[in-house]
Amino acid sequence: MSRDPDGEPPADRESPVGEPVIRRDPRVAGDSAVQFDPDDPESLADAADTVRRFATNTVGSEDNVYMLRGAAACAALVRGTGSYKAAAERADGEATISFIRKWARVHDLPRSIRRHVALGEIAPTAAKHIARVSGESRYLLAWAALDHDLTVREVRSIASRVNGGATVEDALAAEGIDLGVLSVSIPPDTYRELRRHAALEEVDPGDIVAEALEEYL
């Protein structure tokens, strides 16, 4: 499986279940990150308790890091018990199979997407719908959500269209959004040269930027 320069898989997470890769970042949660080990009975019991309380919203404040902690607990509980059904039975209470499945999938989102969730730039409820799609579509939908300030309703609608067989581009177009349209700010000197070269070469400035980015990335 190919990886980006940060070692991230192209679309699916491979880091250990329950490991606070994002949540332990001091810029996100400092020392408050909690790790769940699905192979440790005591840690698994903590995960079950966290899932139970998470399902009833009784643990801490409902911030983004809290939601990611709940997602990690769901993922660890599924791994530790062997199935969504067993995880729901272990957690008991309000934690249904559907609830656990949705949040475990959020924990399995790529690190670059989960970082935006932790920083509050993608709502956890929107992340649940991003996690419903697979492969590279997860990235495209997540970045579109960031660049176009999509609502949770819009993300849900787009994810449903993609799962129904539409491409991300077509699903976004149905919401009036062009995939790949991004507003950037560049230094005045660079802007001047970009426009000058585009005019002389009779091409769109976006073509020059795309070519430069392809070489850079």
C-alpha atoms as a PDB file:
ATOM      1  CA  MET A   1       0.000   0.000   0.000  1.00  0.00           C
ATOM      2  CA  SER A   2       1.439   3.363  -1.027  1.00  0.00           C
ATOM      3  CA  ARG A   3       1.861   6.101   1.553  1.00  0.00           C
ATOM      4  CA  ASP A   4       2.237   9.842   1.630  1.00  0.00           C
ATOM      5  CA  PRO A   5       5.403  11.545   3.005  1.00  0.00           C
ATOM      6  CA  ASP A   6       3.981  11.354   6.544  1.00  0.00           C
ATOM      7  CA  GLY A   7       3.588   7.583   6.286  1.00  0.00           C
ATOM      8  CA  GLU A   8      -0.193   7.757   6.006  1.00  0.00           C
ATOM      9  CA  PRO A   9      -2.051   5.132   3.960  1.00  0.00           C
ATOM     10  CA  PRO A  10      -3.941   6.599   1.016  1.00  0.00           C
ATOM     11  CA  ALA A  11      -7.396   6.177   2.520  1.00  0.00           C
ATOM     12  CA  ASP A  12      -7.581   3.937   5.576  1.00  0.00           C
ATOM     13  CA  ARG A  13      -5.962   4.062   8.977  1.00  0.00           C
ATOM     14  CA  GLU A  14      -3.399   1.406   9.992  1.00  0.00           C
ATOM     15  CA  SER A  15      -2.245   2.704  13.372  1.00  0.00           C
ATOM     16  CA  PRO A  16      -3.077   0.535  16.419  1.00  0.00           C
ATOM     17  CA  VAL A  17      -6.707   0.557  17.522  1.00  0.00           C
ATOM     18  CA  GLY A  18      -7.206   2.954  20.407  1.00  0.00           C
ATOM     19  CA  GLU A  19      -3.800   4.613  20.121  1.00  0.00           C
ATOM     20  CA  PRO A  20      -4.193   8.410  20.558  1.00  0.00           C
ATOM     21  CA  VAL A  21      -2.170   9.424  17.501  1.00  0.00           C
ATOM     22  CA  ILE A  22      -4.047  12.716  17.152  1.00  0.00           C
ATOM     23  CA  ARG A  23      -5.435  13.078  20.664  1.00  0.00           C
ATOM     24  CA  ARG A  24      -1.982  12.978  22.291  1.00  0.00           C
ATOM     25  CA  ASP A  25      -0.780  15.954  20.243  1.00  0.00           C
ATOM     26  CA  PRO A  26      -0.223  18.817  22.757  1.00  0.00           C
ATOM     27  CA  ARG A  27      -1.816  21.234  20.294  1.00  0.00           C
ATOM     28  CA  VAL A  28      -4.989  19.167  20.455  1.00  0.00           C
ATOM     29  CA  ALA A  29      -5.388  17.632  23.895  1.00  0.00           C
ATOM     30  CA  GLY A  30      -2.077  17.791  25.734  1.00  0.00           C
ATOM     31  CA  ASP A  31      -1.741  15.087  28.363  1.00  0.00           C
ATOM     32  CA  SER A  32      -5.429  14.259  28.496  1.00  0.00           C
ATOM     33  CA  ALA A  33      -5.311  11.589  25.752  1.00  0.00           C
ATOM     34  CA  VAL A  34      -6.512   8.135  26.732  1.00  0.00           C
ATOM     35  CA  GLN A  35      -5.294   4.945  25.061  1.00  0.00           C
ATOM     36  CA  PHE A  36      -7.429   1.817  24.826  1.00  0.00           C
ATOM     37  CA  ASP A  37      -5.738  -1.557  24.402  1.00  0.00           C
ATOM     38  CA  PRO A  38      -8.192  -4.165  23.039  1.00  0.00           C
ATOM     39  CA  ASP A  39      -5.900  -6.954  24.252  1.00  0.00           C
ATOM     40  CA  ASP A  40      -5.815  -5.744  27.867  1.00  0.00           C
ATOM     41  CA  PRO A  41      -8.914  -6.795  29.885  1.00  0.00           C
ATOM     42  CA  GLU A  42      -8.710  -3.778  32.199  1.00  0.00           C
ATOM     43  CA  SER A  43      -8.282  -1.342  29.297  1.00  0.00           C
ATOM     44  CA  LEU A  44     -11.117  -3.061  27.443  1.00  0.00           C
ATOM     45  CA  ALA A  45     -13.337  -2.585  30.486  1.00  0.00           C
ATOM     46  CA  ASP A  46     -12.444   1.129  30.422  1.00  0.00           C
ATOM     47  CA  ALA A  47     -13.338   1.239  26.735  1.00  0.00           C
ATOM     48  CA  ALA A  48     -16.718  -0.384  27.430  1.00  0.00           C
ATOM     49  CA  ASP A  49     -17.429   2.137  30.176  1.00  0.00           C
ATOM     50  CA  THR A  50     -16.388   5.025  27.918  1.00  0.00           C
ATOM     51  CA  VAL A  51     -18.631   3.778  25.101  1.00  0.00           C
ATOM     52  CA  ARG A  52     -21.544   3.374  27.510  1.00  0.00           C
ATOM     53  CA  ARG A  53     -21.183   6.930  28.788  1.00  0.00           C
ATOM     54  CA  PHE A  54     -20.386   8.286  25.338  1.00  0.00           C
ATOM     55  CA  ALA A  55     -23.674   6.864  24.047  1.00  0.00           C
ATOM     56  CA  THR A  56     -25.567   8.798  26.732  1.00  0.00           C
ATOM     57  CA  ASN A  57     -23.377  11.928  26.521  1.00  0.00           C
ATOM     58  CA  THR A  58     -22.545  11.869  30.220  1.00  0.00           C
ATOM     59  CA  VAL A  59     -18.746  12.012  30.094  1.00  0.00           C
ATOM     60  CA  GLY A  60     -17.072  15.419  30.023  1.00  0.00           C
ATOM     61  CA  SER A  61     -17.925  18.142  27.553  1.00  0.00           C
ATOM     62  CA  GLU A  62     -19.060  17.357  24.027  1.00  0.00           C
ATOM     63  CA  ASP A  63     -15.954  18.735  22.333  1.00  0.00           C
ATOM     64  CA  ASN A  64     -14.226  17.261  19.306  1.00  0.00           C
ATOM     65  CA  VAL A  65     -11.455  15.520  21.250  1.00  0.00           C
ATOM     66  CA  TYR A  66     -14.080  13.973  23.506  1.00  0.00           C
ATOM     67  CA  MET A  67     -15.870  12.640  20.437  1.00  0.00           C
ATOM     68  CA  LEU A  68     -12.638  11.179  19.054  1.00  0.00           C
ATOM     69  CA  ARG A  69     -11.986   9.507  22.403  1.00  0.00           C
ATOM     70  CA  GLY A  70     -15.418   7.921  22.211  1.00  0.00           C
ATOM     71  CA  ALA A  71     -14.714   6.792  18.655  1.00  0.00           C
ATOM     72  CA  ALA A  72     -11.421   5.226  19.775  1.00  0.00           C
ATOM     73  CA  ALA A  73     -13.215   3.404  22.581  1.00  0.00           C
ATOM     74  CA  CYS A  74     -15.766   2.049  20.091  1.00  0.00           C
ATOM     75  CA  ALA A  75     -13.025   0.802  17.776  1.00  0.00           C
ATOM     76  CA  ALA A  76     -11.095  -0.823  20.628  1.00  0.00           C
ATOM     77  CA  LEU A  77     -14.228  -2.484  21.983  1.00  0.00           C
ATOM     78  CA  VAL A  78     -15.060  -3.951  18.570  1.00  0.00           C
ATOM     79  CA  ARG A  79     -11.519  -5.275  18.161  1.00  0.00           C
ATOM     80  CA  GLY A  80     -11.449  -6.657  21.677  1.00  0.00           C
ATOM     81  CA  THR A  81     -14.834  -8.420  21.528  1.00  0.00           C
ATOM     82  CA  GLY A  82     -14.656  -9.512  17.907  1.00  0.00           C
ATOM     83  CA  SER A  83     -17.864  -8.007  16.514  1.00  0.00           C
ATOM     84  CA  TYR A  84     -20.181  -5.011  16.622  1.00  0.00           C
ATOM     85  CA  LYS A  85     -22.866  -7.112  18.255  1.00  0.00           C
ATOM     86  CA  ALA A  86     -20.552  -8.345  21.007  1.00  0.00           C
ATOM     87  CA  ALA A  87     -19.275  -4.802  21.521  1.00  0.00           C
ATOM     88  CA  ALA A  88     -22.822  -3.486  21.967  1.00  0.00           C
ATOM     89  CA  GLU A  89     -23.608  -6.266  24.432  1.00  0.00           C
ATOM     90  CA  ARG A  90     -20.424  -5.516  26.388  1.00  0.00           C
ATOM     91  CA  ALA A  91     -21.138  -1.774  26.514  1.00  0.00           C
ATOM     92  CA  ASP A  92     -24.833  -2.319  27.266  1.00  0.00           C
ATOM     93  CA  GLY A  93     -27.107   0.677  27.829  1.00  0.00           C
ATOM     94  CA  GLU A  94     -27.686   3.100  24.959  1.00  0.00           C
ATOM     95  CA  ALA A  95     -24.753   1.899  22.840  1.00  0.00           C
ATOM     96  CA  THR A  96     -26.386   0.148  19.888  1.00  0.00           C
ATOM     97  CA  ILE A  97     -24.662  -1.801  17.126  1.00  0.00           C
ATOM     98  CA  SER A  98     -25.318   1.074  14.714  1.00  0.00           C
ATOM     99  CA  PHE A  99     -23.896   3.646  17.136  1.00  0.00           C
ATOM    100  CA  ILE A 100     -20.704   1.672  17.699  1.00  0.00           C
ATOM    101  CA  ARG A 101     -20.232   0.944  14.003  1.00  0.00           C
ATOM    102  CA  LYS A 102     -20.556   4.611  13.027  1.00  0.00           C
ATOM    103  CA  TRP A 103     -18.059   5.865  15.586  1.00  0.00           C
ATOM    104  CA  ALA A 104     -15.574   3.026  15.091  1.00  0.00           C
ATOM    105  CA  ARG A 105     -15.441   4.028  11.417  1.00  0.00           C
ATOM    106  CA  VAL A 106     -14.625   7.620  12.438  1.00  0.00           C
ATOM    107  CA  HIS A 107     -11.646   6.291  14.399  1.00  0.00           C
ATOM    108  CA  ASP A 108     -10.491   4.515  11.231  1.00  0.00           C
ATOM    109  CA  LEU A 109     -10.436   7.702   9.146  1.00  0.00           C
ATOM    110  CA  PRO A 110      -6.979   8.772   7.894  1.00  0.00           C
ATOM    111  CA  ARG A 111      -4.912  10.841  10.302  1.00  0.00           C
ATOM    112  CA  SER A 112      -5.007  13.968   8.127  1.00  0.00           C
ATOM    113  CA  ILE A 113      -8.816  13.992   8.278  1.00  0.00           C
ATOM    114  CA  ARG A 114      -9.021  13.209  12.006  1.00  0.00           C
ATOM    115  CA  ARG A 115      -6.670  16.107  12.732  1.00  0.00           C
ATOM    116  CA  HIS A 116      -9.189  18.530  11.238  1.00  0.00           C
ATOM    117  CA  VAL A 117     -11.888  16.913  13.382  1.00  0.00           C
ATOM    118  CA  ALA A 118      -9.785  17.324  16.521  1.00  0.00           C
ATOM    119  CA  LEU A 119      -9.111  20.971  15.688  1.00  0.00           C
ATOM    120  CA  GLY A 120     -12.819  21.656  15.254  1.00  0.00           C
ATOM    121  CA  GLU A 121     -12.585  22.317  11.512  1.00  0.00           C
ATOM    122  CA  ILE A 122     -14.708  19.281  10.591  1.00  0.00           C
ATOM    123  CA  ALA A 123     -17.656  18.518  12.859  1.00  0.00           C
ATOM    124  CA  PRO A 124     -17.567  14.999  14.367  1.00  0.00           C
ATOM    125  CA  THR A 125     -21.111  14.454  13.107  1.00  0.00           C
ATOM    126  CA  ALA A 126     -19.900  15.317   9.588  1.00  0.00           C
ATOM    127  CA  ALA A 127     -16.943  12.954  10.052  1.00  0.00           C
ATOM    128  CA  LYS A 128     -19.422  10.118  10.638  1.00  0.00           C
ATOM    129  CA  HIS A 129     -20.765  10.631   7.125  1.00  0.00           C
ATOM    130  CA  ILE A 130     -17.303  11.058   5.586  1.00  0.00           C
ATOM    131  CA  ALA A 131     -16.430   7.694   7.143  1.00  0.00           C
ATOM    132  CA  ARG A 132     -19.382   6.103   5.342  1.00  0.00           C
ATOM    133  CA  VAL A 133     -17.593   6.375   1.988  1.00  0.00           C
ATOM    134  CA  SER A 134     -14.458   4.430   1.154  1.00  0.00           C
ATOM    135  CA  GLY A 135     -11.096   4.852  -0.506  1.00  0.00           C
ATOM    136  CA  GLU A 136      -9.964   8.146  -1.970  1.00  0.00           C
ATOM    137  CA  SER A 137     -13.540   9.435  -1.822  1.00  0.00           C
ATOM    138  CA  ARG A 138     -13.001  10.026   1.908  1.00  0.00           C
ATOM    139  CA  TYR A 139     -10.274  12.542   1.177  1.00  0.00           C
ATOM    140  CA  LEU A 140     -12.199  14.305  -1.570  1.00  0.00           C
ATOM    141  CA  LEU A 141     -15.308  14.673   0.569  1.00  0.00           C
ATOM    142  CA  ALA A 142     -13.341  15.819   3.624  1.00  0.00           C
ATOM    143  CA  TRP A 143     -11.398  18.470   1.710  1.00  0.00           C
ATOM    144  CA  ALA A 144     -14.559  19.693   0.000  1.00  0.00           C
ATOM    145  CA  ALA A 145     -16.201  19.990   3.414  1.00  0.00           C
ATOM    146  CA  LEU A 146     -13.296  22.177   4.549  1.00  0.00           C
ATOM    147  CA  ASP A 147     -12.960  24.314   1.444  1.00  0.00           C
ATOM    148  CA  HIS A 148     -16.678  24.954   0.987  1.00  0.00           C
ATOM    149  CA  ASP A 149     -17.782  25.013   4.626  1.00  0.00           C
ATOM    150  CA  LEU A 150     -20.287  22.227   4.010  1.00  0.00           C
ATOM    151  CA  THR A 151     -23.023  21.629   6.549  1.00  0.00           C
ATOM    152  CA  VAL A 152     -23.543  18.229   8.146  1.00  0.00           C
ATOM    153  CA  ARG A 153     -26.698  17.865   6.060  1.00  0.00           C
ATOM    154  CA  GLU A 154     -24.762  18.518   2.858  1.00  0.00           C
ATOM    155  CA  VAL A 155     -22.024  16.063   3.802  1.00  0.00           C
ATOM    156  CA  ARG A 156     -24.640  13.430   4.611  1.00  0.00           C
ATOM    157  CA  SER A 157     -26.395  13.997   1.284  1.00  0.00           C
ATOM    158  CA  ILE A 158     -23.157  13.807  -0.698  1.00  0.00           C
ATOM    159  CA  ALA A 159     -22.047  10.633   1.117  1.00  0.00           C
ATOM    160  CA  SER A 160     -25.404   9.017   0.349  1.00  0.00           C
ATOM    161  CA  ARG A 161     -25.074   9.854  -3.345  1.00  0.00           C
ATOM    162  CA  VAL A 162     -21.537   8.436  -3.458  1.00  0.00           C
ATOM    163  CA  ASN A 163     -22.668   5.222  -1.769  1.00  0.00           C
ATOM    164  CA  GLY A 164     -25.474   5.102  -4.315  1.00  0.00           C
ATOM    165  CA  GLY A 165     -22.928   4.924  -7.130  1.00  0.00           C
ATOM    166  CA  ALA A 166     -22.226   8.580  -7.959  1.00  0.00           C
ATOM    167  CA  THR A 167     -18.712   9.951  -8.172  1.00  0.00           C
ATOM    168  CA  VAL A 168     -17.687  12.489  -5.553  1.00  0.00           C
ATOM    169  CA  GLU A 169     -17.473  15.097  -8.297  1.00  0.00           C
ATOM    170  CA  ASP A 170     -21.057  14.447  -9.438  1.00  0.00           C
ATOM    171  CA  ALA A 171     -22.335  14.254  -5.855  1.00  0.00           C
ATOM    172  CA  LEU A 172     -20.762  17.612  -5.071  1.00  0.00           C
ATOM    173  CA  ALA A 173     -22.114  19.118  -8.296  1.00  0.00           C
ATOM    174  CA  ALA A 174     -25.611  18.153  -7.183  1.00  0.00           C
ATOM    175  CA  GLU A 175     -25.052  20.488  -4.219  1.00  0.00           C
ATOM    176  CA  GLY A 176     -23.733  23.237  -6.507  1.00  0.00           C
ATOM    177  CA  ILE A 177     -20.073  22.653  -5.575  1.00  0.00           C
ATOM    178  CA  ASP A 178     -17.128  22.278  -7.976  1.00  0.00           C
ATOM    179  CA  LEU A 179     -14.578  19.705  -6.847  1.00  0.00           C
ATOM    180  CA  GLY A 180     -11.037  21.071  -6.761  1.00  0.00           C
ATOM    181  CA  VAL A 181     -11.965  24.752  -6.490  1.00  0.00           C
ATOM    182  CA  LEU A 182      -9.763  26.256  -3.786  1.00  0.00           C
ATOM    183  CA  SER A 183      -9.083  29.853  -2.746  1.00  0.00           C
ATOM    184  CA  VAL A 184      -5.438  30.513  -1.870  1.00  0.00           C
ATOM    185  CA  SER A 185      -3.394  33.566  -0.936  1.00  0.00           C
ATOM    186  CA  ILE A 186       0.081  33.999  -2.416  1.00  0.00           C
ATOM    187  CA  PRO A 187       2.700  36.761  -2.057  1.00  0.00           C
ATOM    188  CA  PRO A 188       2.212  39.723  -4.426  1.00  0.00           C
ATOM    189  CA  ASP A 189       5.458  39.043  -6.315  1.00  0.00           C
ATOM    190  CA  THR A 190       4.487  35.422  -6.899  1.00  0.00           C
ATOM    191  CA  TYR A 191       0.992  36.482  -7.932  1.00  0.00           C
ATOM    192  CA  ARG A 192       2.411  38.981 -10.436  1.00  0.00           C
ATOM    193  CA  GLU A 193       4.701  36.369 -12.015  1.00  0.00           C
ATOM    194  CA  LEU A 194       1.960  33.752 -12.085  1.00  0.00           C
ATOM    195  CA  ARG A 195      -0.351  36.057 -13.968  1.00  0.00           C
ATOM    196  CA  ARG A 196       2.454  37.199 -16.319  1.00  0.00           C
ATOM    197  CA  HIS A 197       3.446  33.648 -17.236  1.00  0.00           C
ATOM    198  CA  ALA A 198      -0.167  32.602 -17.672  1.00  0.00           C
ATOM    199  CA  ALA A 199      -0.768  35.493 -20.080  1.00  0.00           C
ATOM    200  CA  LEU A 200       2.391  34.851 -22.091  1.00  0.00           C
ATOM    201  CA  GLU A 201       1.754  31.106 -22.311  1.00  0.00           C
ATOM    202  CA  GLU A 202      -1.957  31.654 -22.934  1.00  0.00           C
ATOM    203  CA  VAL A 203      -3.025  29.231 -20.212  1.00  0.00           C
ATOM    204  CA  ASP A 204      -5.178  29.480 -17.117  1.00  0.00           C
ATOM    205  CA  PRO A 205      -3.247  30.348 -13.911  1.00  0.00           C
ATOM    206  CA  GLY A 206      -4.792  27.252 -12.350  1.00  0.00           C
ATOM    207  CA  ASP A 207      -3.006  25.054 -14.908  1.00  0.00           C
ATOM    208  CA  ILE A 208       0.371  26.456 -13.854  1.00  0.00           C
ATOM    209  CA  VAL A 209      -0.449  26.004 -10.176  1.00  0.00           C
ATOM    210  CA  ALA A 210      -1.640  22.431 -10.759  1.00  0.00           C
ATOM    211  CA  GLU A 211       1.521  21.527 -12.672  1.00  0.00           C
ATOM    212  CA  ALA A 212       3.737  23.039  -9.965  1.00  0.00           C
ATOM    213  CA  LEU A 213       1.829  21.186  -7.251  1.00  0.00           C
ATOM    214  CA  GLU A 214       2.083  17.883  -9.091  1.00  0.00           C
ATOM    215  CA  GLU A 215       5.857  18.249  -9.151  1.00  0.00           C
ATOM    216  CA  TYR A 216       5.952  19.308  -5.490  1.00  0.00           C
ATOM    217  CA  LEU A 217       3.686  16.552  -4.211  1.00  0.00           C
END
